[in-house]
Amino acid sequence: MHLEAVFRLAFGLARDAGVAEDLTQETFLQAWQSFHRFDRTLSCRAWLCSILHHLWSHERRRRDRTPVVFDTTAVRTDTFLYDPPTPETLTEEEVVAAFDMLPETLRETVLLADVEELSYREIAAILSIPMGTVMSRLNRGRKLLRHQLAAYAKARGIGRSVEDGEQRKAES
């Protein structure tokens, strides 16, 4: 029942299916082992998301301590030669790219609220932050996404530009 939601959140955080599968499995394992500590004031899905968030934070800290080794001889030059055509409308990739450009704290909050449809109270409990911080991060994240996607749309001749929207706001 909650497996898909936990995997979707894990994939949204990790951006790698293998890592997301591992995080999902570890989440359910830890939930099973600590079910006696389940807080019945939260929904089960929110509790699982909280466990996942702690696991992801631990994984992120572990990765930050691990040095990144990049082998420049392994890069193939022919991968840089492909120039994809400009799409006529916004694509899923552009939306995902705009989402990926958000700072991680904002991306995580937007993901929990808009994709997982959790309440502000549940998000605050999952991230261990005040509800006002959740609302602030959500507002800033959505605003950054709007600006980023408006820039994509304007470049493709779709809809209003960011400046048009700000100009209309100033006039009203």
Protein backbone atom coordinates (compact mmCIF):
# COMPACT_ATOMS: atom_id res chain seq x y z
CA MET A 1 0.00 0.00 0.00
CA HIS A 2 2.70 2.51 0.98
CA LEU A 3 5.52 0.79 -0.92
CA GLU A 4 4.99 2.82 -4.10
CA ALA A 5 4.81 6.12 -2.21
CA VAL A 6 8.02 5.37 -0.30
CA PHE A 7 9.82 4.27 -3.47
CA ARG A 8 8.60 7.37 -5.35
CA LEU A 9 9.94 9.61 -2.57
CA ALA A 10 13.23 7.68 -2.41
CA PHE A 11 13.66 8.00 -6.16
CA GLY A 12 12.82 11.70 -5.99
CA LEU A 13 15.54 12.19 -3.39
CA ALA A 14 18.23 9.88 -4.77
CA ARG A 15 17.53 10.22 -8.52
CA ASP A 16 18.82 6.66 -8.93
CA ALA A 17 16.56 3.60 -9.08
CA GLY A 18 19.07 1.26 -7.43
CA VAL A 19 19.70 3.60 -4.51
CA ALA A 20 15.94 4.23 -4.24
CA GLU A 21 15.27 0.48 -4.04
CA ASP A 22 17.89 0.09 -1.31
CA LEU A 23 16.47 3.04 0.64
CA THR A 24 12.94 1.67 0.32
CA GLN A 25 13.98 -1.77 1.52
CA GLU A 26 15.93 -0.31 4.44
CA THR A 27 12.96 1.92 5.33
CA PHE A 28 10.59 -1.03 5.63
CA LEU A 29 13.18 -3.08 7.51
CA GLN A 30 13.66 -0.31 10.08
CA ALA A 31 9.89 0.22 10.30
CA TRP A 32 9.42 -3.47 11.02
CA GLN A 33 12.15 -3.45 13.68
CA SER A 34 10.85 -0.34 15.40
CA PHE A 35 7.10 -0.74 14.97
CA HIS A 36 6.68 -0.55 18.76
CA ARG A 37 7.77 3.13 18.51
CA PHE A 38 5.16 4.00 15.86
CA ASP A 39 3.59 7.39 16.72
CA ARG A 40 -0.13 6.89 16.19
CA THR A 41 -0.68 10.65 15.82
CA LEU A 42 0.98 10.42 12.38
CA SER A 43 -0.26 8.44 9.43
CA CYS A 44 1.66 5.29 8.60
CA ARG A 45 2.82 6.81 5.31
CA ALA A 46 4.17 9.89 7.11
CA TRP A 47 5.99 7.66 9.60
CA LEU A 48 7.57 5.66 6.77
CA CYS A 49 8.55 8.90 5.00
CA SER A 50 10.14 10.09 8.24
CA ILE A 51 12.23 6.92 8.45
CA LEU A 52 13.18 7.32 4.79
CA HIS A 53 14.19 10.94 5.37
CA HIS A 54 16.52 9.92 8.22
CA LEU A 55 18.03 7.16 6.10
CA TRP A 56 18.53 9.54 3.17
CA SER A 57 20.17 12.14 5.45
CA HIS A 58 22.55 9.46 6.74
CA GLU A 59 23.30 8.31 3.16
CA ARG A 60 23.92 11.89 2.02
CA ARG A 61 26.37 12.52 4.87
CA ARG A 62 28.15 9.24 4.07
CA ARG A 63 28.47 10.24 0.40
CA ASP A 64 29.78 13.68 1.34
CA ARG A 65 32.62 12.04 3.27
CA THR A 66 33.52 9.78 0.32
CA PRO A 67 35.88 11.38 -2.20
CA VAL A 68 34.66 11.50 -5.79
CA VAL A 69 37.10 10.07 -8.30
CA PHE A 70 36.60 11.09 -11.90
CA ASP A 71 38.47 9.39 -14.70
CA THR A 72 38.76 11.90 -17.55
CA THR A 73 39.98 9.23 -19.97
CA ALA A 74 36.65 7.41 -19.65
CA VAL A 75 34.66 10.34 -21.10
CA ARG A 76 33.71 9.75 -24.70
CA THR A 77 33.91 12.81 -26.89
CA ASP A 78 31.17 11.62 -29.24
CA THR A 79 28.60 12.00 -26.45
CA PHE A 80 29.08 15.77 -26.63
CA LEU A 81 28.41 15.98 -30.37
CA TYR A 82 24.67 15.27 -30.24
CA ASP A 83 22.56 18.43 -30.27
CA PRO A 84 18.92 17.49 -29.59
CA PRO A 85 16.20 19.48 -31.37
CA THR A 86 14.38 22.15 -29.40
CA PRO A 87 10.93 20.85 -28.38
CA GLU A 88 7.80 22.81 -29.22
CA THR A 89 6.34 22.48 -25.70
CA LEU A 90 7.63 21.87 -22.22
CA THR A 91 8.77 18.30 -21.83
CA GLU A 92 8.91 16.05 -18.82
CA GLU A 93 12.70 16.29 -18.91
CA GLU A 94 12.56 20.08 -18.65
CA VAL A 95 10.24 19.88 -15.68
CA VAL A 96 12.50 17.31 -14.02
CA ALA A 97 15.56 19.47 -14.81
CA ALA A 98 13.88 22.51 -13.25
CA PHE A 99 12.97 20.40 -10.22
CA ASP A 100 16.55 19.13 -9.94
CA MET A 101 17.86 22.70 -9.93
CA LEU A 102 16.05 23.42 -6.65
CA PRO A 103 18.19 23.34 -3.51
CA GLU A 104 17.77 19.97 -1.79
CA THR A 105 15.84 21.30 1.21
CA LEU A 106 13.28 22.98 -1.07
CA ARG A 107 13.13 20.01 -3.46
CA GLU A 108 12.46 17.63 -0.59
CA THR A 109 9.65 19.81 0.78
CA VAL A 110 8.00 20.28 -2.62
CA LEU A 111 8.26 16.54 -3.26
CA LEU A 112 6.58 15.67 0.05
CA ALA A 113 3.81 18.26 -0.39
CA ASP A 114 3.02 18.22 -4.10
CA VAL A 115 3.92 14.68 -5.13
CA GLU A 116 3.24 12.72 -1.95
CA GLU A 117 0.41 15.08 -0.90
CA LEU A 118 1.36 15.03 2.77
CA SER A 119 0.01 17.69 5.12
CA TYR A 120 2.21 20.48 6.47
CA ARG A 121 2.06 18.85 9.91
CA GLU A 122 3.23 15.51 8.51
CA ILE A 123 6.04 17.16 6.53
CA ALA A 124 7.14 19.08 9.62
CA ALA A 125 7.28 15.82 11.59
CA ILE A 126 9.17 14.00 8.83
CA LEU A 127 11.79 16.73 8.40
CA SER A 128 11.89 17.65 12.11
CA ILE A 129 11.31 21.33 11.36
CA PRO A 130 8.61 23.82 12.41
CA MET A 131 5.45 24.02 10.30
CA GLY A 132 6.25 27.65 9.42
CA THR A 133 9.54 26.50 7.90
CA VAL A 134 7.65 23.91 5.83
CA MET A 135 5.34 26.63 4.49
CA SER A 136 8.27 28.94 3.77
CA ARG A 137 10.28 26.27 1.97
CA LEU A 138 7.24 25.19 -0.01
CA ASN A 139 6.51 28.76 -1.07
CA ARG A 140 10.13 29.41 -2.09
CA GLY A 141 10.40 26.05 -3.90
CA ARG A 142 7.20 26.57 -5.87
CA LYS A 143 8.23 30.12 -6.74
CA LEU A 144 11.64 28.98 -8.02
CA LEU A 145 9.96 26.24 -10.07
CA ARG A 146 7.51 28.76 -11.56
CA HIS A 147 10.34 31.09 -12.57
CA GLN A 148 12.44 28.27 -13.99
CA LEU A 149 9.55 26.77 -15.97
CA ALA A 150 8.41 30.20 -17.17
CA ALA A 151 11.90 30.74 -18.58
CA TYR A 152 11.68 27.40 -20.42
CA ALA A 153 8.22 28.27 -21.70
CA LYS A 154 9.26 31.75 -22.84
CA ALA A 155 12.23 30.31 -24.71
CA ARG A 156 9.79 28.02 -26.54
CA GLY A 157 7.21 30.78 -27.11
CA ILE A 158 4.68 29.27 -24.70
CA GLY A 159 2.51 31.37 -22.37
CA ARG A 160 3.51 34.52 -20.52
CA SER A 161 7.05 35.40 -19.60
CA VAL A 162 8.23 35.80 -16.04
CA GLU A 163 8.55 39.56 -16.57
CA ASP A 164 4.96 39.79 -17.85
CA GLY A 165 3.70 38.09 -14.71
CA GLU A 166 5.72 40.37 -12.45
CA GLN A 167 4.62 43.41 -14.42
CA ARG A 168 0.96 42.42 -14.05
CA LYS A 169 1.49 41.93 -10.33
CA ALA A 170 3.00 45.40 -10.00
CA GLU A 171 0.10 46.96 -11.92
CA SER A 172 -2.55 45.45 -9.65
